């Protein structure tokens, strides 16, 4: 298969020094890309700002902001059989990106924000027969939020996890996830290394009827 994988956070710049972002390290997405390449798939990885080496056999595209990531996904979507969106894309960005560093004495305590594009919603009309896999990182109402996103974003698989747990989610080597697929009960997986979660995702892709 030709896989397109997104990974890591995005950075939404306020000025040349400051930005809005999140705790994503990109480890989950890089694990998916690495495992998929080891299984013989052709993998193109769109990575936000992370401190990770490119997995062997993977083509990497580096981006910074949510709009950069959307543009890269749109550019590379047509040639892929499956899109795996592990990236933690910032929902909001500053309304104004200042060309110079804002000085503490003159900076406003209120920063106006505007919404970033939702990548999966934006590209939904181009889905066709492609397989779309999304991720949901939640701290409450995990099952309800995951089910809503599965339907709302027209996903074939949604991988959900509670990132409030100390041993699962951001900045750790392990994850405890739940697979949501249309018309089926949630599949709860035990705590495992992110490479093992990646194996489960790639296995799911391999056995899904085309």
N, C-alpha and C. Protein backbone atom coordinates (compact mmCIF):
# COMPACT_ATOMS: atom_id res chain seq x y z
N UNK A 1 0.83 -1.19 0.00
CA UNK A 1 0.00 0.00 0.00
C UNK A 1 0.87 1.25 0.00
N UNK A 2 0.32 2.32 -0.48
CA UNK A 2 0.93 3.64 -0.37
C UNK A 2 0.29 4.35 0.82
N UNK A 3 1.08 4.58 1.87
CA UNK A 3 0.56 5.18 3.10
C UNK A 3 1.06 6.61 3.26
N UNK A 4 0.14 7.48 3.67
CA UNK A 4 0.48 8.85 4.03
C UNK A 4 0.21 8.98 5.53
N UNK A 5 1.25 9.33 6.29
CA UNK A 5 1.16 9.40 7.75
C UNK A 5 1.51 10.81 8.20
N UNK A 6 0.73 11.36 9.12
CA UNK A 6 1.09 12.63 9.73
C UNK A 6 1.47 12.38 11.18
N UNK A 7 2.39 13.20 11.70
CA UNK A 7 2.89 12.96 13.06
C UNK A 7 3.34 14.26 13.71
N UNK A 8 3.32 14.25 15.04
CA UNK A 8 3.86 15.36 15.80
C UNK A 8 2.87 16.49 16.00
N UNK A 9 3.33 17.58 16.62
CA UNK A 9 2.49 18.75 16.83
C UNK A 9 2.58 19.71 15.65
N UNK A 10 1.83 20.77 15.72
CA UNK A 10 2.08 21.93 14.86
C UNK A 10 2.45 23.09 15.77
N UNK A 11 3.10 24.08 15.20
CA UNK A 11 3.42 25.31 15.92
C UNK A 11 2.71 26.47 15.23
N UNK A 12 2.01 27.25 16.02
CA UNK A 12 1.28 28.41 15.51
C UNK A 12 1.95 29.65 16.07
N UNK A 13 2.66 30.37 15.22
CA UNK A 13 3.57 31.42 15.66
C UNK A 13 2.83 32.70 16.10
N UNK A 14 3.28 33.23 17.23
CA UNK A 14 2.82 34.53 17.69
C UNK A 14 3.80 35.61 17.24
N UNK A 15 5.08 35.29 17.36
CA UNK A 15 6.16 36.16 16.88
C UNK A 15 7.36 35.26 16.58
N UNK A 16 8.50 35.77 16.19
CA UNK A 16 9.61 34.88 15.84
C UNK A 16 10.13 34.01 16.99
N UNK A 17 9.72 34.30 18.22
CA UNK A 17 10.20 33.58 19.39
C UNK A 17 9.13 32.69 20.02
N UNK A 18 7.89 33.14 20.05
CA UNK A 18 6.82 32.48 20.78
C UNK A 18 5.84 31.79 19.83
N UNK A 19 5.28 30.70 20.33
CA UNK A 19 4.27 29.99 19.53
C UNK A 19 3.33 29.21 20.44
N UNK A 20 2.18 28.82 19.88
CA UNK A 20 1.24 27.91 20.53
C UNK A 20 1.47 26.52 19.98
N UNK A 21 1.47 25.53 20.86
CA UNK A 21 1.68 24.16 20.41
C UNK A 21 1.07 23.21 21.44
N UNK A 22 1.53 21.97 21.46
CA UNK A 22 1.03 20.98 22.41
C UNK A 22 2.15 19.99 22.74
N UNK A 23 1.84 18.98 23.55
CA UNK A 23 2.86 18.09 24.10
C UNK A 23 3.23 16.92 23.17
N UNK A 24 2.67 16.84 22.01
CA UNK A 24 2.96 15.71 21.13
C UNK A 24 4.45 15.67 20.76
N UNK A 25 5.03 14.47 20.85
CA UNK A 25 6.44 14.28 20.47
C UNK A 25 6.59 13.67 19.08
N UNK A 26 5.48 13.15 18.52
CA UNK A 26 5.54 12.50 17.21
C UNK A 26 5.87 11.02 17.28
N UNK A 27 6.12 10.48 18.48
CA UNK A 27 6.57 9.08 18.60
C UNK A 27 5.56 8.09 18.03
N UNK A 28 4.27 8.34 18.24
CA UNK A 28 3.26 7.40 17.76
C UNK A 28 3.24 7.37 16.23
N UNK A 29 3.23 8.52 15.62
CA UNK A 29 3.21 8.58 14.16
C UNK A 29 4.46 8.03 13.53
N UNK A 30 5.62 8.33 14.13
CA UNK A 30 6.87 7.79 13.60
C UNK A 30 6.90 6.27 13.75
N UNK A 31 6.30 5.75 14.83
CA UNK A 31 6.23 4.30 15.00
C UNK A 31 5.37 3.68 13.91
N UNK A 32 4.25 4.31 13.58
CA UNK A 32 3.39 3.80 12.50
C UNK A 32 4.16 3.80 11.18
N UNK A 33 4.84 4.89 10.90
CA UNK A 33 5.60 4.98 9.64
C UNK A 33 6.69 3.91 9.58
N UNK A 34 7.40 3.71 10.69
CA UNK A 34 8.47 2.73 10.73
C UNK A 34 7.96 1.31 10.55
N UNK A 35 6.92 0.96 11.28
CA UNK A 35 6.35 -0.39 11.19
C UNK A 35 5.80 -0.64 9.79
N UNK A 36 5.10 0.35 9.22
CA UNK A 36 4.53 0.17 7.88
C UNK A 36 5.63 -0.05 6.85
N UNK A 37 6.72 0.69 6.96
CA UNK A 37 7.84 0.51 6.02
C UNK A 37 8.46 -0.88 6.18
N UNK A 38 8.57 -1.34 7.44
CA UNK A 38 9.12 -2.68 7.69
C UNK A 38 8.23 -3.78 7.10
N UNK A 39 6.94 -3.50 6.97
CA UNK A 39 6.01 -4.45 6.38
C UNK A 39 5.96 -4.35 4.85
N UNK A 40 6.81 -3.50 4.29
CA UNK A 40 6.90 -3.41 2.84
C UNK A 40 6.02 -2.36 2.19
N UNK A 41 5.34 -1.55 3.00
CA UNK A 41 4.50 -0.50 2.43
C UNK A 41 5.35 0.72 2.03
N UNK A 42 4.87 1.48 1.07
CA UNK A 42 5.51 2.74 0.69
C UNK A 42 4.95 3.84 1.59
N UNK A 43 5.82 4.50 2.34
CA UNK A 43 5.35 5.43 3.37
C UNK A 43 5.91 6.82 3.12
N UNK A 44 5.01 7.78 3.15
CA UNK A 44 5.38 9.19 3.12
C UNK A 44 4.91 9.80 4.44
N UNK A 45 5.83 10.41 5.17
CA UNK A 45 5.58 10.91 6.52
C UNK A 45 5.62 12.43 6.53
N UNK A 46 4.51 13.04 6.93
CA UNK A 46 4.44 14.49 7.09
C UNK A 46 4.61 14.79 8.57
N UNK A 47 5.72 15.42 8.94
CA UNK A 47 6.07 15.59 10.34
C UNK A 47 6.08 17.05 10.75
N UNK A 48 5.42 17.32 11.88
CA UNK A 48 5.54 18.62 12.52
C UNK A 48 6.89 18.73 13.20
N UNK A 49 7.13 19.81 13.96
CA UNK A 49 8.44 20.02 14.59
C UNK A 49 8.69 18.99 15.70
N UNK A 50 9.55 18.01 15.43
CA UNK A 50 9.88 16.96 16.40
C UNK A 50 11.38 16.70 16.38
N UNK A 51 11.85 16.08 17.45
CA UNK A 51 13.28 15.74 17.54
C UNK A 51 13.45 14.24 17.36
N UNK A 52 13.05 13.74 16.20
CA UNK A 52 13.10 12.31 15.91
C UNK A 52 13.79 12.08 14.56
N UNK A 53 14.53 10.99 14.48
CA UNK A 53 15.17 10.62 13.22
C UNK A 53 14.15 10.01 12.28
N UNK A 54 14.36 10.21 10.99
CA UNK A 54 13.46 9.65 9.98
C UNK A 54 13.59 8.13 9.97
N UNK A 55 12.49 7.39 10.07
CA UNK A 55 12.57 5.93 10.01
C UNK A 55 13.15 5.45 8.69
N UNK A 56 13.86 4.35 8.74
CA UNK A 56 14.48 3.80 7.53
C UNK A 56 13.42 3.44 6.49
N UNK A 57 13.68 3.84 5.25
CA UNK A 57 12.77 3.51 4.16
C UNK A 57 11.56 4.41 4.05
N UNK A 58 11.53 5.50 4.81
CA UNK A 58 10.38 6.41 4.83
C UNK A 58 10.78 7.75 4.21
N UNK A 59 9.90 8.27 3.36
CA UNK A 59 10.09 9.61 2.79
C UNK A 59 9.45 10.62 3.73
N UNK A 60 10.21 11.64 4.11
CA UNK A 60 9.75 12.59 5.13
C UNK A 60 9.56 13.98 4.55
N UNK A 61 8.46 14.62 4.98
CA UNK A 61 8.17 16.01 4.61
C UNK A 61 7.98 16.77 5.92
N UNK A 62 8.78 17.80 6.16
CA UNK A 62 8.70 18.58 7.40
C UNK A 62 7.81 19.80 7.21
N UNK A 63 6.95 20.04 8.20
CA UNK A 63 6.07 21.21 8.18
C UNK A 63 6.09 21.85 9.57
N UNK A 64 5.53 23.04 9.67
CA UNK A 64 5.48 23.75 10.95
C UNK A 64 4.05 23.93 11.45
N UNK A 65 3.24 24.62 10.68
CA UNK A 65 1.91 25.01 11.16
C UNK A 65 0.82 24.05 10.66
N UNK A 66 -0.37 24.24 11.20
CA UNK A 66 -1.51 23.44 10.75
C UNK A 66 -1.80 23.68 9.28
N UNK A 67 -1.69 24.91 8.84
CA UNK A 67 -1.94 25.21 7.43
C UNK A 67 -0.87 24.59 6.54
N UNK A 68 0.38 24.55 7.03
CA UNK A 68 1.44 23.85 6.29
C UNK A 68 1.10 22.37 6.15
N UNK A 69 0.64 21.77 7.25
CA UNK A 69 0.33 20.34 7.24
C UNK A 69 -0.84 20.05 6.31
N UNK A 70 -1.86 20.89 6.34
CA UNK A 70 -3.00 20.72 5.43
C UNK A 70 -2.53 20.78 3.98
N UNK A 71 -1.69 21.75 3.65
CA UNK A 71 -1.20 21.88 2.28
C UNK A 71 -0.42 20.64 1.85
N UNK A 72 0.40 20.10 2.76
CA UNK A 72 1.18 18.91 2.44
C UNK A 72 0.28 17.69 2.26
N UNK A 73 -0.74 17.56 3.10
CA UNK A 73 -1.68 16.44 2.95
C UNK A 73 -2.43 16.55 1.63
N UNK A 74 -2.91 17.74 1.31
CA UNK A 74 -3.64 17.93 0.05
C UNK A 74 -2.76 17.61 -1.15
N UNK A 75 -1.51 17.99 -1.09
CA UNK A 75 -0.59 17.76 -2.21
C UNK A 75 -0.30 16.29 -2.42
N UNK A 76 -0.27 15.51 -1.33
CA UNK A 76 0.16 14.11 -1.41
C UNK A 76 -0.98 13.11 -1.29
N UNK A 77 -2.21 13.57 -1.20
CA UNK A 77 -3.33 12.68 -0.93
C UNK A 77 -3.65 11.76 -2.09
N UNK A 78 -3.62 12.27 -3.30
CA UNK A 78 -4.09 11.49 -4.45
C UNK A 78 -3.31 10.20 -4.65
N UNK A 79 -2.04 10.18 -4.31
CA UNK A 79 -1.24 8.99 -4.55
C UNK A 79 -1.27 7.96 -3.44
N UNK A 80 -2.08 8.16 -2.41
CA UNK A 80 -2.05 7.23 -1.28
C UNK A 80 -3.30 6.35 -1.26
N UNK A 81 -3.13 5.16 -0.68
CA UNK A 81 -4.25 4.24 -0.45
C UNK A 81 -4.86 4.46 0.93
N UNK A 82 -4.05 4.92 1.87
CA UNK A 82 -4.53 5.13 3.23
C UNK A 82 -3.83 6.34 3.84
N UNK A 83 -4.59 7.09 4.62
CA UNK A 83 -4.08 8.22 5.38
C UNK A 83 -4.20 7.91 6.85
N UNK A 84 -3.09 8.01 7.59
CA UNK A 84 -3.10 7.78 9.03
C UNK A 84 -2.72 9.10 9.71
N UNK A 85 -3.72 9.75 10.30
CA UNK A 85 -3.55 11.08 10.88
C UNK A 85 -3.26 10.98 12.37
N UNK A 86 -1.99 10.77 12.72
CA UNK A 86 -1.64 10.73 14.15
C UNK A 86 -1.27 12.11 14.69
N UNK A 87 -1.08 13.08 13.82
CA UNK A 87 -0.61 14.40 14.25
C UNK A 87 -1.59 15.05 15.21
N UNK A 88 -1.04 15.78 16.17
CA UNK A 88 -1.83 16.58 17.10
C UNK A 88 -1.84 18.01 16.57
N UNK A 89 -2.77 18.27 15.69
CA UNK A 89 -2.83 19.57 14.99
C UNK A 89 -3.49 20.61 15.89
N UNK A 90 -2.86 21.76 16.02
CA UNK A 90 -3.41 22.83 16.86
C UNK A 90 -4.76 23.28 16.32
N UNK A 91 -5.73 23.40 17.20
CA UNK A 91 -7.07 23.83 16.79
C UNK A 91 -7.13 25.33 16.52
N UNK A 92 -6.25 26.11 17.16
CA UNK A 92 -6.31 27.57 17.07
C UNK A 92 -4.93 28.13 16.76
N UNK A 93 -4.93 29.34 16.21
CA UNK A 93 -3.68 30.07 15.95
C UNK A 93 -3.92 31.55 16.26
N UNK A 94 -2.86 32.30 16.56
CA UNK A 94 -3.02 33.74 16.77
C UNK A 94 -3.55 34.42 15.50
N UNK A 95 -4.42 35.38 15.70
CA UNK A 95 -4.96 36.12 14.55
C UNK A 95 -3.86 36.88 13.82
N UNK A 96 -2.85 37.29 14.56
CA UNK A 96 -1.78 38.09 13.95
C UNK A 96 -0.42 37.48 14.33
N UNK A 97 0.40 37.21 13.33
CA UNK A 97 1.77 36.77 13.57
C UNK A 97 2.67 37.99 13.41
N UNK A 98 3.31 38.37 14.49
CA UNK A 98 4.12 39.58 14.48
C UNK A 98 5.49 39.31 13.89
N UNK A 99 5.98 40.24 13.07
CA UNK A 99 7.26 40.06 12.40
C UNK A 99 8.44 40.20 13.37
N UNK A 100 8.25 40.95 14.46
CA UNK A 100 9.31 41.15 15.45
C UNK A 100 8.85 40.63 16.81
N UNK A 101 9.83 40.30 17.66
CA UNK A 101 9.50 39.81 19.00
C UNK A 101 8.71 40.87 19.76
N UNK A 102 7.59 40.44 20.35
CA UNK A 102 6.78 41.35 21.16
C UNK A 102 7.49 41.62 22.48
N UNK A 103 7.56 42.87 22.87
CA UNK A 103 8.21 43.25 24.11
C UNK A 103 7.25 43.10 25.28
N UNK A 104 7.78 42.61 26.41
CA UNK A 104 6.96 42.33 27.57
C UNK A 104 6.20 43.57 28.03
N UNK A 105 6.85 44.72 27.98
CA UNK A 105 6.22 45.93 28.49
C UNK A 105 5.09 46.45 27.63
N UNK A 106 5.08 46.09 26.36
CA UNK A 106 4.04 46.61 25.47
C UNK A 106 3.07 45.53 24.98
N UNK A 107 3.33 44.29 25.37
CA UNK A 107 2.51 43.18 24.89
C UNK A 107 1.16 43.14 25.61
N UNK A 108 0.10 42.93 24.88
CA UNK A 108 -1.23 42.84 25.47
C UNK A 108 -1.38 41.53 26.23
N UNK A 109 -2.07 41.52 27.38
CA UNK A 109 -2.31 40.27 28.11
C UNK A 109 -3.37 39.40 27.44
N UNK A 110 -4.03 39.92 26.43
CA UNK A 110 -5.07 39.19 25.71
C UNK A 110 -4.58 38.92 24.29
N UNK A 111 -4.59 37.67 23.89
CA UNK A 111 -4.17 37.28 22.54
C UNK A 111 -5.38 36.76 21.78
N UNK A 112 -5.70 37.37 20.68
CA UNK A 112 -6.85 36.94 19.89
C UNK A 112 -6.47 35.74 19.04
N UNK A 113 -7.36 34.74 19.02
CA UNK A 113 -7.13 33.51 18.28
C UNK A 113 -8.17 33.33 17.20
N UNK A 114 -7.83 32.55 16.17
CA UNK A 114 -8.78 32.16 15.15
C UNK A 114 -8.60 30.67 14.87
N UNK A 115 -9.64 30.00 14.40
CA UNK A 115 -9.56 28.54 14.23
C UNK A 115 -8.67 28.14 13.07
N UNK A 116 -7.96 27.04 13.27
CA UNK A 116 -7.23 26.42 12.17
C UNK A 116 -8.17 25.53 11.38
N UNK A 117 -7.85 25.22 10.14
CA UNK A 117 -8.68 24.29 9.38
C UNK A 117 -8.60 22.88 9.99
N UNK A 118 -9.73 22.17 9.96
CA UNK A 118 -9.75 20.77 10.36
C UNK A 118 -9.33 19.96 9.14
N UNK A 119 -8.17 19.32 9.21
CA UNK A 119 -7.61 18.67 8.02
C UNK A 119 -8.52 17.57 7.50
N UNK A 120 -8.97 16.69 8.38
CA UNK A 120 -9.81 15.58 7.92
C UNK A 120 -11.13 16.06 7.33
N UNK A 121 -11.74 17.05 7.95
CA UNK A 121 -12.99 17.59 7.41
C UNK A 121 -12.75 18.24 6.04
N UNK A 122 -11.62 18.92 5.91
CA UNK A 122 -11.33 19.63 4.66
C UNK A 122 -11.15 18.67 3.50
N UNK A 123 -10.48 17.54 3.76
CA UNK A 123 -10.17 16.61 2.66
C UNK A 123 -11.22 15.52 2.50
N UNK A 124 -12.24 15.51 3.34
CA UNK A 124 -13.27 14.47 3.29
C UNK A 124 -13.88 14.28 1.89
N UNK A 125 -14.15 15.36 1.12
CA UNK A 125 -14.71 15.17 -0.21
C UNK A 125 -13.80 14.39 -1.18
N UNK A 126 -12.52 14.29 -0.86
CA UNK A 126 -11.57 13.58 -1.73
C UNK A 126 -11.28 12.16 -1.24
N UNK A 127 -12.03 11.69 -0.28
CA UNK A 127 -11.74 10.39 0.32
C UNK A 127 -11.88 9.25 -0.67
N UNK A 128 -12.99 9.16 -1.37
CA UNK A 128 -13.20 8.07 -2.32
C UNK A 128 -13.04 6.73 -1.64
N UNK A 129 -12.21 5.85 -2.21
CA UNK A 129 -11.98 4.53 -1.63
C UNK A 129 -10.77 4.48 -0.69
N UNK A 130 -10.20 5.64 -0.41
CA UNK A 130 -9.06 5.69 0.50
C UNK A 130 -9.50 5.32 1.92
N UNK A 131 -8.58 4.74 2.67
CA UNK A 131 -8.81 4.43 4.07
C UNK A 131 -8.33 5.60 4.91
N UNK A 132 -9.20 6.11 5.76
CA UNK A 132 -8.84 7.22 6.64
C UNK A 132 -8.79 6.73 8.08
N UNK A 133 -7.66 6.93 8.73
CA UNK A 133 -7.47 6.58 10.14
C UNK A 133 -7.17 7.87 10.90
N UNK A 134 -7.92 8.09 11.97
CA UNK A 134 -7.71 9.28 12.79
C UNK A 134 -7.37 8.90 14.22
N UNK A 135 -6.90 9.88 14.97
CA UNK A 135 -6.59 9.71 16.39
C UNK A 135 -7.39 10.71 17.21
N UNK A 136 -7.75 10.32 18.41
CA UNK A 136 -8.44 11.22 19.33
C UNK A 136 -7.75 11.16 20.68
N UNK A 137 -7.14 12.26 21.09
CA UNK A 137 -6.52 12.36 22.41
C UNK A 137 -7.48 13.14 23.31
N UNK A 138 -8.00 12.49 24.32
CA UNK A 138 -9.00 13.09 25.19
C UNK A 138 -8.58 13.00 26.65
N UNK A 139 -9.19 13.83 27.49
CA UNK A 139 -8.98 13.76 28.94
C UNK A 139 -10.27 13.46 29.68
N UNK A 140 -11.41 13.46 28.97
CA UNK A 140 -12.70 13.13 29.57
C UNK A 140 -13.67 12.73 28.47
N UNK A 141 -14.72 12.01 28.86
CA UNK A 141 -15.76 11.57 27.91
C UNK A 141 -15.15 10.90 26.67
N UNK A 142 -14.17 10.03 26.90
CA UNK A 142 -13.41 9.45 25.80
C UNK A 142 -14.29 8.70 24.82
N UNK A 143 -15.16 7.83 25.31
CA UNK A 143 -15.96 6.99 24.41
C UNK A 143 -16.90 7.83 23.57
N UNK A 144 -17.59 8.77 24.20
CA UNK A 144 -18.54 9.61 23.46
C UNK A 144 -17.83 10.50 22.44
N UNK A 145 -16.71 11.10 22.84
CA UNK A 145 -15.98 11.97 21.92
C UNK A 145 -15.40 11.19 20.75
N UNK A 146 -14.89 9.99 21.03
CA UNK A 146 -14.33 9.17 19.96
C UNK A 146 -15.41 8.75 18.96
N UNK A 147 -16.55 8.35 19.47
CA UNK A 147 -17.64 7.93 18.58
C UNK A 147 -18.12 9.10 17.73
N UNK A 148 -18.19 10.28 18.33
CA UNK A 148 -18.60 11.47 17.58
C UNK A 148 -17.62 11.77 16.45
N UNK A 149 -16.33 11.73 16.75
CA UNK A 149 -15.32 12.04 15.74
C UNK A 149 -15.28 10.99 14.64
N UNK A 150 -15.51 9.73 15.00
CA UNK A 150 -15.54 8.66 14.00
C UNK A 150 -16.57 8.96 12.93
N UNK A 151 -17.76 9.38 13.37
CA UNK A 151 -18.86 9.66 12.45
C UNK A 151 -18.66 11.00 11.74
N UNK A 152 -18.33 12.02 12.53
CA UNK A 152 -18.24 13.38 12.00
C UNK A 152 -17.16 13.52 10.93
N UNK A 153 -16.06 12.79 11.12
CA UNK A 153 -14.94 12.91 10.19
C UNK A 153 -14.89 11.78 9.16
N UNK A 154 -15.94 10.94 9.17
CA UNK A 154 -16.10 9.87 8.16
C UNK A 154 -14.86 8.96 8.12
N UNK A 155 -14.45 8.51 9.30
CA UNK A 155 -13.25 7.69 9.42
C UNK A 155 -13.57 6.20 9.30
N UNK A 156 -12.59 5.44 8.83
CA UNK A 156 -12.69 3.98 8.80
C UNK A 156 -12.21 3.38 10.12
N UNK A 157 -11.28 4.06 10.76
CA UNK A 157 -10.77 3.66 12.07
C UNK A 157 -10.40 4.90 12.84
N UNK A 158 -10.84 4.95 14.11
CA UNK A 158 -10.40 6.01 15.00
C UNK A 158 -9.71 5.36 16.19
N UNK A 159 -8.50 5.82 16.49
CA UNK A 159 -7.70 5.31 17.60
C UNK A 159 -7.77 6.35 18.71
N UNK A 160 -8.39 5.98 19.83
CA UNK A 160 -8.60 6.94 20.91
C UNK A 160 -7.78 6.56 22.13
N UNK A 161 -7.29 7.59 22.83
CA UNK A 161 -6.61 7.32 24.09
C UNK A 161 -6.79 8.47 25.07
N UNK A 162 -6.75 8.14 26.36
CA UNK A 162 -6.90 9.10 27.44
C UNK A 162 -5.51 9.64 27.78
N UNK A 163 -5.25 10.87 27.40
CA UNK A 163 -3.91 11.43 27.60
C UNK A 163 -3.72 12.03 28.99
N UNK A 164 -4.72 11.88 29.86
CA UNK A 164 -4.54 12.32 31.24
C UNK A 164 -3.83 11.26 32.07
N UNK A 165 -3.69 10.04 31.54
CA UNK A 165 -3.00 8.97 32.25
C UNK A 165 -1.48 9.17 32.16
N UNK A 166 -0.77 8.88 33.24
CA UNK A 166 0.67 9.13 33.27
C UNK A 166 1.46 8.18 32.38
N UNK A 167 0.87 7.01 32.07
CA UNK A 167 1.62 6.00 31.30
C UNK A 167 1.12 5.86 29.88
N UNK A 168 0.29 6.79 29.43
CA UNK A 168 -0.30 6.66 28.10
C UNK A 168 -0.41 8.02 27.43
N UNK A 169 -0.05 8.08 26.16
CA UNK A 169 -0.23 9.32 25.41
C UNK A 169 1.05 10.09 25.21
N UNK A 170 1.04 11.36 25.60
CA UNK A 170 2.15 12.26 25.29
C UNK A 170 3.39 11.98 26.13
N UNK A 171 4.54 12.10 25.49
CA UNK A 171 5.84 12.13 26.16
C UNK A 171 6.21 10.85 26.90
N UNK A 172 5.58 9.73 26.54
CA UNK A 172 5.94 8.43 27.11
C UNK A 172 6.07 7.42 25.96
N UNK A 173 6.62 6.25 26.28
CA UNK A 173 6.87 5.24 25.26
C UNK A 173 5.69 4.29 25.08
N UNK A 174 4.67 4.41 25.91
CA UNK A 174 3.55 3.46 25.88
C UNK A 174 2.24 4.17 25.58
N UNK A 175 1.25 3.37 25.19
CA UNK A 175 -0.08 3.89 24.89
C UNK A 175 -1.11 2.83 25.24
N UNK A 176 -2.26 3.28 25.68
CA UNK A 176 -3.40 2.40 25.93
C UNK A 176 -4.55 2.95 25.08
N UNK A 177 -4.90 2.26 24.01
CA UNK A 177 -5.83 2.83 23.04
C UNK A 177 -7.08 1.97 22.87
N UNK A 178 -8.06 2.58 22.24
CA UNK A 178 -9.31 1.91 21.89
C UNK A 178 -9.54 2.11 20.40
N UNK A 179 -9.82 1.03 19.68
CA UNK A 179 -10.13 1.11 18.26
C UNK A 179 -11.64 1.26 18.08
N UNK A 180 -12.03 2.28 17.33
CA UNK A 180 -13.43 2.49 16.96
C UNK A 180 -13.57 2.32 15.45
N UNK A 181 -14.48 1.48 15.02
CA UNK A 181 -14.77 1.30 13.60
C UNK A 181 -16.28 1.37 13.41
N UNK A 182 -16.76 1.83 12.26
CA UNK A 182 -18.20 1.98 12.04
C UNK A 182 -18.95 0.66 12.20
N UNK A 183 -20.02 0.68 12.98
CA UNK A 183 -20.89 -0.48 13.12
C UNK A 183 -20.39 -1.57 14.03
N UNK A 184 -19.25 -1.33 14.71
CA UNK A 184 -18.69 -2.35 15.59
C UNK A 184 -18.49 -1.80 17.00
N UNK A 185 -18.50 -2.69 18.01
CA UNK A 185 -18.21 -2.22 19.37
C UNK A 185 -16.76 -1.81 19.50
N UNK A 186 -16.44 -0.90 20.41
CA UNK A 186 -15.05 -0.48 20.60
C UNK A 186 -14.16 -1.66 20.99
N UNK A 187 -12.93 -1.66 20.49
CA UNK A 187 -11.96 -2.70 20.82
C UNK A 187 -10.90 -2.10 21.74
N UNK A 188 -10.92 -2.50 23.01
CA UNK A 188 -10.00 -1.97 24.00
C UNK A 188 -8.69 -2.77 23.95
N UNK A 189 -7.58 -2.09 23.75
CA UNK A 189 -6.28 -2.74 23.75
C UNK A 189 -5.57 -2.45 25.08
N UNK A 190 -4.76 -3.39 25.55
CA UNK A 190 -4.05 -3.17 26.82
C UNK A 190 -2.91 -2.17 26.65
N UNK A 191 -2.33 -1.77 27.76
CA UNK A 191 -1.16 -0.90 27.71
C UNK A 191 -0.03 -1.62 26.96
N UNK A 192 0.53 -0.95 25.97
CA UNK A 192 1.62 -1.54 25.20
C UNK A 192 2.52 -0.45 24.66
N UNK A 193 3.68 -0.84 24.19
CA UNK A 193 4.59 0.12 23.60
C UNK A 193 3.98 0.71 22.33
N UNK A 194 4.37 1.92 22.00
CA UNK A 194 3.80 2.57 20.83
C UNK A 194 4.13 1.80 19.55
N UNK A 195 5.27 1.14 19.53
CA UNK A 195 5.60 0.31 18.37
C UNK A 195 4.61 -0.85 18.23
N UNK A 196 4.13 -1.37 19.36
CA UNK A 196 3.14 -2.46 19.32
C UNK A 196 1.78 -1.94 18.89
N UNK A 197 1.41 -0.75 19.33
CA UNK A 197 0.17 -0.13 18.84
C UNK A 197 0.26 0.08 17.34
N UNK A 198 1.41 0.54 16.88
CA UNK A 198 1.62 0.73 15.44
C UNK A 198 1.46 -0.58 14.69
N UNK A 199 1.97 -1.67 15.24
CA UNK A 199 1.79 -2.99 14.62
C UNK A 199 0.32 -3.32 14.47
N UNK A 200 -0.46 -3.04 15.50
CA UNK A 200 -1.90 -3.33 15.44
C UNK A 200 -2.58 -2.50 14.36
N UNK A 201 -2.18 -1.25 14.23
CA UNK A 201 -2.78 -0.39 13.21
C UNK A 201 -2.43 -0.88 11.81
N UNK A 202 -1.17 -1.20 11.60
CA UNK A 202 -0.72 -1.67 10.28
C UNK A 202 -1.36 -3.03 9.97
N UNK A 203 -1.50 -3.88 10.96
CA UNK A 203 -2.18 -5.17 10.75
C UNK A 203 -3.64 -4.94 10.35
N UNK A 204 -4.29 -3.98 11.02
CA UNK A 204 -5.68 -3.66 10.70
C UNK A 204 -5.78 -3.19 9.25
N UNK A 205 -4.87 -2.34 8.82
CA UNK A 205 -4.87 -1.86 7.45
C UNK A 205 -4.69 -3.01 6.46
N UNK A 206 -3.83 -3.95 6.83
CA UNK A 206 -3.53 -5.07 5.93
C UNK A 206 -4.68 -6.04 5.75
N UNK A 207 -5.50 -6.20 6.78
CA UNK A 207 -6.59 -7.17 6.66
C UNK A 207 -7.91 -6.54 6.27
N UNK A 208 -7.95 -5.20 6.17
CA UNK A 208 -9.20 -4.56 5.78
C UNK A 208 -9.45 -4.76 4.31
N UNK A 209 -10.66 -5.24 3.93
CA UNK A 209 -10.97 -5.45 2.52
C UNK A 209 -10.86 -4.14 1.74
N UNK A 210 -10.33 -4.21 0.53
CA UNK A 210 -10.19 -3.01 -0.30
C UNK A 210 -11.51 -2.70 -0.99
